[in-house]
Amino acid sequence: MTTVLTVPSAPTTGVEPFRSLLLAQREDCLRQRELAVADTVAAHPDPVAATRAGVLADRIDAIDAALARLEAGTYGTCASCGDAIPRERLEFRPHAVSCVGCPQPRR
């Protein structure tokens, strides 16, 4: 007899549409970062572009982490308190790792 383990899916219920949103945002960030990096190596490097490239790299990392949470089945669960992150917050910031009431975890 084979036993099938089931994992509660409450936090991940309905989060699948966020995959395409995260992937689209990731592609946009990659394009913007490529442009910012090009501006930093031009004949007259732009320090603002270098800062922007760094911010975009951080955003890409956050999106990659969110995609990993989607794969792991933990997407939409607050990393601080373990409660579900409100859908409205995920719609606004799909790479969010915490609910509104908890501080954003430091990386």
C-alpha atoms as a PDB file:
ATOM      1  CA  MET A   1       0.000   0.000   0.000  1.00  0.00           C
ATOM      2  CA  THR A   2       1.347   3.421  -0.985  1.00  0.00           C
ATOM      3  CA  THR A   3       0.838   6.359   1.337  1.00  0.00           C
ATOM      4  CA  VAL A   4       0.440   9.745  -0.288  1.00  0.00           C
ATOM      5  CA  LEU A   5       1.493  12.707   1.785  1.00  0.00           C
ATOM      6  CA  THR A   6      -0.438  15.891   1.273  1.00  0.00           C
ATOM      7  CA  VAL A   7       0.892  19.296   2.087  1.00  0.00           C
ATOM      8  CA  PRO A   8      -1.567  21.986   3.154  1.00  0.00           C
ATOM      9  CA  SER A   9      -1.932  24.433   0.302  1.00  0.00           C
ATOM     10  CA  ALA A  10      -3.697  27.329   1.988  1.00  0.00           C
ATOM     11  CA  PRO A  11      -0.853  29.868   1.619  1.00  0.00           C
ATOM     12  CA  THR A  12      -0.245  28.929  -2.007  1.00  0.00           C
ATOM     13  CA  THR A  13      -3.869  28.751  -3.116  1.00  0.00           C
ATOM     14  CA  GLY A  14      -4.372  31.097  -6.029  1.00  0.00           C
ATOM     15  CA  VAL A  15      -0.764  32.247  -6.269  1.00  0.00           C
ATOM     16  CA  GLU A  16       0.021  30.657  -9.627  1.00  0.00           C
ATOM     17  CA  PRO A  17      -0.954  33.804 -11.613  1.00  0.00           C
ATOM     18  CA  PHE A  18       1.897  35.587  -9.838  1.00  0.00           C
ATOM     19  CA  ARG A  19       4.454  33.421 -11.690  1.00  0.00           C
ATOM     20  CA  SER A  20       3.826  35.222 -14.996  1.00  0.00           C
ATOM     21  CA  LEU A  21       3.838  38.604 -13.243  1.00  0.00           C
ATOM     22  CA  LEU A  22       7.166  37.826 -11.573  1.00  0.00           C
ATOM     23  CA  LEU A  23       8.677  36.570 -14.823  1.00  0.00           C
ATOM     24  CA  ALA A  24       7.534  39.701 -16.695  1.00  0.00           C
ATOM     25  CA  GLN A  25       8.964  41.957 -13.977  1.00  0.00           C
ATOM     26  CA  ARG A  26      12.220  39.989 -14.051  1.00  0.00           C
ATOM     27  CA  GLU A  27      12.569  40.454 -17.820  1.00  0.00           C
ATOM     28  CA  ASP A  28      11.854  44.176 -17.468  1.00  0.00           C
ATOM     29  CA  CYS A  29      14.460  44.525 -14.706  1.00  0.00           C
ATOM     30  CA  LEU A  30      17.029  42.643 -16.785  1.00  0.00           C
ATOM     31  CA  ARG A  31      16.455  45.008 -19.737  1.00  0.00           C
ATOM     32  CA  GLN A  32      16.662  48.091 -17.532  1.00  0.00           C
ATOM     33  CA  ARG A  33      19.789  46.806 -15.784  1.00  0.00           C
ATOM     34  CA  GLU A  34      21.466  46.126 -19.122  1.00  0.00           C
ATOM     35  CA  LEU A  35      20.830  49.743 -20.143  1.00  0.00           C
ATOM     36  CA  ALA A  36      22.070  51.058 -16.787  1.00  0.00           C
ATOM     37  CA  VAL A  37      25.241  48.966 -16.999  1.00  0.00           C
ATOM     38  CA  ALA A  38      25.861  50.275 -20.523  1.00  0.00           C
ATOM     39  CA  ASP A  39      25.586  53.821 -19.156  1.00  0.00           C
ATOM     40  CA  THR A  40      28.187  53.075 -16.460  1.00  0.00           C
ATOM     41  CA  VAL A  41      30.809  51.965 -18.992  1.00  0.00           C
ATOM     42  CA  ALA A  42      30.198  54.725 -21.533  1.00  0.00           C
ATOM     43  CA  ALA A  43      32.837  57.360 -22.283  1.00  0.00           C
ATOM     44  CA  HIS A  44      31.373  59.466 -19.466  1.00  0.00           C
ATOM     45  CA  PRO A  45      30.190  56.990 -16.817  1.00  0.00           C
ATOM     46  CA  ASP A  46      26.979  57.914 -15.052  1.00  0.00           C
ATOM     47  CA  PRO A  47      27.145  57.281 -11.266  1.00  0.00           C
ATOM     48  CA  VAL A  48      23.339  57.350 -11.064  1.00  0.00           C
ATOM     49  CA  ALA A  49      23.191  54.548 -13.626  1.00  0.00           C
ATOM     50  CA  ALA A  50      25.617  52.503 -11.521  1.00  0.00           C
ATOM     51  CA  THR A  51      23.372  52.922  -8.482  1.00  0.00           C
ATOM     52  CA  ARG A  52      20.320  52.028 -10.564  1.00  0.00           C
ATOM     53  CA  ALA A  53      22.063  48.911 -11.879  1.00  0.00           C
ATOM     54  CA  GLY A  54      22.710  47.822  -8.287  1.00  0.00           C
ATOM     55  CA  VAL A  55      19.103  48.433  -7.271  1.00  0.00           C
ATOM     56  CA  LEU A  56      17.890  46.462 -10.275  1.00  0.00           C
ATOM     57  CA  ALA A  57      20.255  43.591  -9.449  1.00  0.00           C
ATOM     58  CA  ASP A  58      18.765  43.484  -5.940  1.00  0.00           C
ATOM     59  CA  ARG A  59      15.250  43.476  -7.419  1.00  0.00           C
ATOM     60  CA  ILE A  60      16.166  40.599  -9.748  1.00  0.00           C
ATOM     61  CA  ASP A  61      17.498  38.653  -6.744  1.00  0.00           C
ATOM     62  CA  ALA A  62      14.234  39.311  -4.858  1.00  0.00           C
ATOM     63  CA  ILE A  63      12.189  38.137  -7.848  1.00  0.00           C
ATOM     64  CA  ASP A  64      14.335  34.997  -8.187  1.00  0.00           C
ATOM     65  CA  ALA A  65      13.779  34.285  -4.488  1.00  0.00           C
ATOM     66  CA  ALA A  66      10.020  34.725  -4.958  1.00  0.00           C
ATOM     67  CA  LEU A  67      10.065  32.311  -7.896  1.00  0.00           C
ATOM     68  CA  ALA A  68      11.962  29.820  -5.709  1.00  0.00           C
ATOM     69  CA  ARG A  69       9.284  30.207  -3.002  1.00  0.00           C
ATOM     70  CA  LEU A  70       6.644  29.518  -5.656  1.00  0.00           C
ATOM     71  CA  GLU A  71       8.445  26.285  -6.582  1.00  0.00           C
ATOM     72  CA  ALA A  72       8.845  25.339  -2.908  1.00  0.00           C
ATOM     73  CA  GLY A  73       5.179  25.998  -2.175  1.00  0.00           C
ATOM     74  CA  THR A  74       5.905  28.714   0.393  1.00  0.00           C
ATOM     75  CA  TYR A  75       5.054  31.729  -1.773  1.00  0.00           C
ATOM     76  CA  GLY A  76       2.583  34.037  -0.075  1.00  0.00           C
ATOM     77  CA  THR A  77       3.618  33.088   3.465  1.00  0.00           C
ATOM     78  CA  CYS A  78       5.215  35.772   5.650  1.00  0.00           C
ATOM     79  CA  ALA A  79       8.838  34.922   6.470  1.00  0.00           C
ATOM     80  CA  SER A  80       8.487  36.658   9.853  1.00  0.00           C
ATOM     81  CA  CYS A  81       5.191  35.503  11.337  1.00  0.00           C
ATOM     82  CA  GLY A  82       4.140  32.633   9.047  1.00  0.00           C
ATOM     83  CA  ASP A  83       0.741  34.147   8.235  1.00  0.00           C
ATOM     84  CA  ALA A  84      -0.516  34.523   4.684  1.00  0.00           C
ATOM     85  CA  ILE A  85       0.622  37.691   2.919  1.00  0.00           C
ATOM     86  CA  PRO A  86      -2.511  39.541   1.761  1.00  0.00           C
ATOM     87  CA  ARG A  87      -3.200  39.141  -1.949  1.00  0.00           C
ATOM     88  CA  GLU A  88      -3.381  42.924  -2.347  1.00  0.00           C
ATOM     89  CA  ARG A  89       0.215  43.216  -1.096  1.00  0.00           C
ATOM     90  CA  LEU A  90       1.373  40.510  -3.500  1.00  0.00           C
ATOM     91  CA  GLU A  91      -0.414  42.265  -6.366  1.00  0.00           C
ATOM     92  CA  PHE A  92       1.431  45.482  -5.503  1.00  0.00           C
ATOM     93  CA  ARG A  93       4.780  43.823  -4.631  1.00  0.00           C
ATOM     94  CA  PRO A  94       4.797  40.238  -5.942  1.00  0.00           C
ATOM     95  CA  HIS A  95       8.272  39.589  -4.518  1.00  0.00           C
ATOM     96  CA  ALA A  96       7.211  40.535  -0.963  1.00  0.00           C
ATOM     97  CA  VAL A  97       8.512  38.208   1.744  1.00  0.00           C
ATOM     98  CA  SER A  98       6.541  39.622   4.652  1.00  0.00           C
ATOM     99  CA  CYS A  99       3.057  40.799   5.460  1.00  0.00           C
ATOM    100  CA  VAL A 100       2.353  44.485   6.031  1.00  0.00           C
ATOM    101  CA  GLY A 101       2.548  44.184   9.832  1.00  0.00           C
ATOM    102  CA  CYS A 102       5.982  42.545   9.911  1.00  0.00           C
ATOM    103  CA  PRO A 103       9.289  44.211   9.130  1.00  0.00           C
ATOM    104  CA  GLN A 104      10.972  43.275   5.882  1.00  0.00           C
ATOM    105  CA  PRO A 105      13.646  40.653   6.710  1.00  0.00           C
ATOM    106  CA  ARG A 106      17.232  41.839   6.177  1.00  0.00           C
ATOM    107  CA  ARG A 107      19.341  40.082   3.582  1.00  0.00           C
END
